[in-house]
């Protein structure tokens, strides 16, 4: 397994260290947090299928407003 050296500000290191669980490496922490973040984003994936309808309605209302303005 290869490794990489990463430089962190002291404040970032402290935050990472505080997230570290017992018997967990820093690599484990980074992977765990990354996976949790991906799962959080996936919860919203496809959550707003009606967004296209909302955009169309806004476009229609904007056009009507512009016509009334003239």
Foldseek 3Di string as FASTA:
>chain_A
DDDDDDDDDPVVVVVLVVQDDPPADSVNSVVVVVVVVVVVVVVCVVVCPCVVVVVVVVVVVVVVVVVVVD
